[in-house]
N, C-alpha and C. Protein backbone atom coordinates (compact mmCIF):
# COMPACT_ATOMS: atom_id res chain seq x y z
N MET A 1 -1.08 18.75 20.15
CA MET A 1 -1.45 17.93 21.43
C MET A 1 -0.47 17.32 22.05
N MET A 2 -0.27 17.42 23.30
CA MET A 2 0.78 17.04 24.07
C MET A 2 0.76 15.57 24.32
N MET A 3 1.45 14.57 24.09
CA MET A 3 1.36 13.31 24.41
C MET A 3 1.78 12.83 25.78
N THR A 4 0.93 12.29 26.54
CA THR A 4 1.32 11.93 27.82
C THR A 4 1.61 10.31 27.74
N ASP A 5 1.75 9.75 28.84
CA ASP A 5 2.06 8.23 28.97
C ASP A 5 0.84 7.58 28.76
N GLU A 6 -0.50 8.09 29.13
CA GLU A 6 -1.71 7.65 28.64
C GLU A 6 -2.04 7.50 27.35
N THR A 7 -1.69 8.70 26.50
CA THR A 7 -1.98 8.97 25.23
C THR A 7 -0.96 8.42 24.08
N ARG A 8 0.18 8.02 24.62
CA ARG A 8 1.46 7.67 23.79
C ARG A 8 1.15 6.23 23.18
N SER A 9 1.25 6.12 22.01
CA SER A 9 1.14 4.66 21.43
C SER A 9 2.38 3.94 21.66
N SER A 10 2.18 2.59 22.07
CA SER A 10 3.23 1.77 22.40
C SER A 10 4.05 1.18 21.07
N ARG A 11 5.12 0.84 21.17
CA ARG A 11 5.84 0.37 20.15
C ARG A 11 6.04 -1.16 19.95
N GLU A 12 5.18 -1.63 21.11
CA GLU A 12 5.36 -3.27 21.17
C GLU A 12 4.21 -3.49 20.33
N PRO A 13 4.41 -4.77 19.67
CA PRO A 13 3.53 -5.21 18.71
C PRO A 13 2.13 -5.61 19.45
N VAL A 14 0.99 -5.50 18.85
CA VAL A 14 -0.19 -5.81 19.43
C VAL A 14 -0.71 -7.05 18.73
N SER A 15 -1.09 -7.85 19.78
CA SER A 15 -1.67 -9.32 19.03
C SER A 15 -3.06 -8.94 18.65
N VAL A 16 -3.35 -9.34 17.50
CA VAL A 16 -4.50 -9.53 16.82
C VAL A 16 -4.91 -10.72 16.51
N PRO A 17 -6.46 -11.09 16.88
CA PRO A 17 -6.94 -12.46 16.85
C PRO A 17 -6.85 -13.01 15.32
N PRO A 18 -6.56 -14.14 15.14
CA PRO A 18 -6.60 -14.70 13.68
C PRO A 18 -7.70 -14.22 12.84
N ALA A 19 -8.92 -14.21 13.33
CA ALA A 19 -10.11 -13.94 12.64
C ALA A 19 -9.95 -12.75 12.10
N VAL A 20 -9.74 -11.72 13.13
CA VAL A 20 -9.68 -10.23 12.79
C VAL A 20 -8.61 -10.11 11.70
N GLU A 21 -7.51 -10.77 11.71
CA GLU A 21 -6.41 -10.52 10.81
C GLU A 21 -6.81 -11.13 9.48
N ARG A 22 -7.54 -12.22 9.24
CA ARG A 22 -7.95 -12.64 8.00
C ARG A 22 -8.98 -11.64 7.46
N GLN A 23 -9.98 -11.14 8.37
CA GLN A 23 -10.92 -10.17 7.82
C GLN A 23 -10.28 -8.89 7.27
N ILE A 24 -9.24 -8.41 8.14
CA ILE A 24 -8.43 -7.45 7.38
C ILE A 24 -7.87 -7.72 6.07
N ASP A 25 -7.47 -8.88 5.85
CA ASP A 25 -6.71 -9.29 4.66
C ASP A 25 -7.85 -9.32 3.65
N GLU A 26 -8.85 -10.03 3.82
CA GLU A 26 -9.72 -9.88 2.84
C GLU A 26 -10.50 -8.72 2.36
N ASN A 27 -10.61 -7.73 3.37
CA ASN A 27 -10.95 -6.36 3.13
C ASN A 27 -9.89 -5.38 2.16
N LEU A 28 -8.72 -5.69 2.59
CA LEU A 28 -7.63 -5.00 1.78
C LEU A 28 -7.67 -5.55 0.30
N LYS A 29 -7.68 -6.80 0.24
CA LYS A 29 -7.84 -7.61 -0.96
C LYS A 29 -9.07 -6.83 -1.87
N LEU A 30 -10.08 -6.80 -1.35
CA LEU A 30 -11.28 -6.20 -1.78
C LEU A 30 -10.95 -4.84 -2.37
N LEU A 31 -10.48 -4.10 -1.46
CA LEU A 31 -10.46 -2.61 -1.72
C LEU A 31 -9.31 -2.42 -2.92
N TYR A 32 -8.44 -3.18 -2.99
CA TYR A 32 -7.30 -3.02 -4.01
C TYR A 32 -7.40 -3.73 -5.17
N GLN A 33 -8.40 -4.60 -5.27
CA GLN A 33 -8.75 -5.67 -6.37
C GLN A 33 -8.75 -4.92 -7.59
N GLN A 34 -9.68 -3.99 -7.69
CA GLN A 34 -10.11 -3.23 -8.74
C GLN A 34 -8.89 -2.40 -9.28
N GLN A 35 -8.13 -1.74 -8.45
CA GLN A 35 -6.85 -1.15 -8.78
C GLN A 35 -5.88 -1.74 -9.44
N LEU A 36 -5.83 -3.03 -9.11
CA LEU A 36 -4.93 -3.88 -9.68
C LEU A 36 -5.18 -4.44 -11.15
N GLN A 37 -6.52 -4.27 -11.40
CA GLN A 37 -7.06 -4.64 -12.84
C GLN A 37 -6.88 -3.62 -13.80
N ASP A 38 -6.93 -2.41 -13.20
CA ASP A 38 -7.14 -1.05 -13.91
C ASP A 38 -5.83 -0.90 -14.73
N ASP A 39 -5.86 -0.25 -15.90
CA ASP A 39 -4.62 -0.12 -16.83
C ASP A 39 -3.92 1.40 -16.17
N LEU A 40 -2.87 1.38 -16.45
CA LEU A 40 -2.02 2.52 -15.94
C LEU A 40 -2.58 3.58 -16.81
N PRO A 41 -2.63 5.01 -16.31
CA PRO A 41 -2.98 6.08 -17.29
C PRO A 41 -2.05 6.46 -18.18
N ASP A 42 -2.55 6.88 -19.35
CA ASP A 42 -1.63 7.16 -20.64
C ASP A 42 -0.27 7.81 -20.10
N SER A 43 -0.46 8.95 -19.28
CA SER A 43 0.74 9.82 -19.03
C SER A 43 1.77 8.81 -18.15
N LEU A 44 1.50 8.04 -17.43
CA LEU A 44 2.31 7.11 -16.61
C LEU A 44 2.91 6.10 -17.50
N LYS A 45 2.07 5.55 -18.46
CA LYS A 45 2.58 4.69 -19.54
C LYS A 45 3.67 5.31 -20.24
N ALA A 46 3.61 6.56 -20.83
CA ALA A 46 4.52 7.40 -21.49
C ALA A 46 5.92 7.56 -20.62
N LEU A 47 5.60 7.92 -19.32
CA LEU A 47 6.82 7.97 -18.44
C LEU A 47 7.49 6.84 -18.43
N VAL A 48 7.01 5.64 -18.15
CA VAL A 48 7.63 4.38 -18.11
C VAL A 48 8.44 3.94 -19.32
N GLU A 49 7.56 4.46 -20.43
CA GLU A 49 8.46 3.96 -21.82
C GLU A 49 9.71 4.95 -21.71
N LYS A 50 9.46 6.24 -21.45
CA LYS A 50 10.73 7.12 -21.37
C LYS A 50 11.89 6.61 -20.59
N LEU A 51 11.44 6.07 -19.44
CA LEU A 51 12.47 5.57 -18.47
C LEU A 51 13.08 4.31 -19.01
N ARG A 52 12.38 3.35 -19.65
CA ARG A 52 13.04 2.07 -20.17
C ARG A 52 14.05 2.69 -21.29
N ALA A 53 13.46 3.54 -22.26
CA ALA A 53 14.32 3.72 -23.29
C ALA A 53 15.57 4.43 -22.82
N LYS A 54 15.81 5.17 -21.75
CA LYS A 54 16.82 5.86 -21.40
C LYS A 54 17.75 4.80 -20.65
N ASP A 55 17.13 3.76 -19.96
CA ASP A 55 17.84 2.73 -19.42
C ASP A 55 18.32 1.77 -20.33
N GLN A 56 17.98 1.72 -21.64
CA GLN A 56 18.28 0.83 -22.52
C GLN A 56 19.82 1.43 -23.38
N LYS A 57 19.67 2.85 -23.09
CA LYS A 57 20.82 3.43 -23.73
C LYS A 57 22.04 3.26 -23.05
N ARG A 58 21.91 3.00 -21.70
CA ARG A 58 23.08 3.02 -20.97
C ARG A 58 23.97 1.54 -21.19
């Protein structure tokens, strides 16, 4: 798709009303709240342990 002046997004900051900003914040917190409470998968825990052990050898 060719970008024209009319379709090109501006690099200037967009002003968002405070109420909308608060709603976005609340929605993001709700979305990620469960993921923050979940444990890491076993494979990722093992990787972290390996990296910590390797770092301690230095």
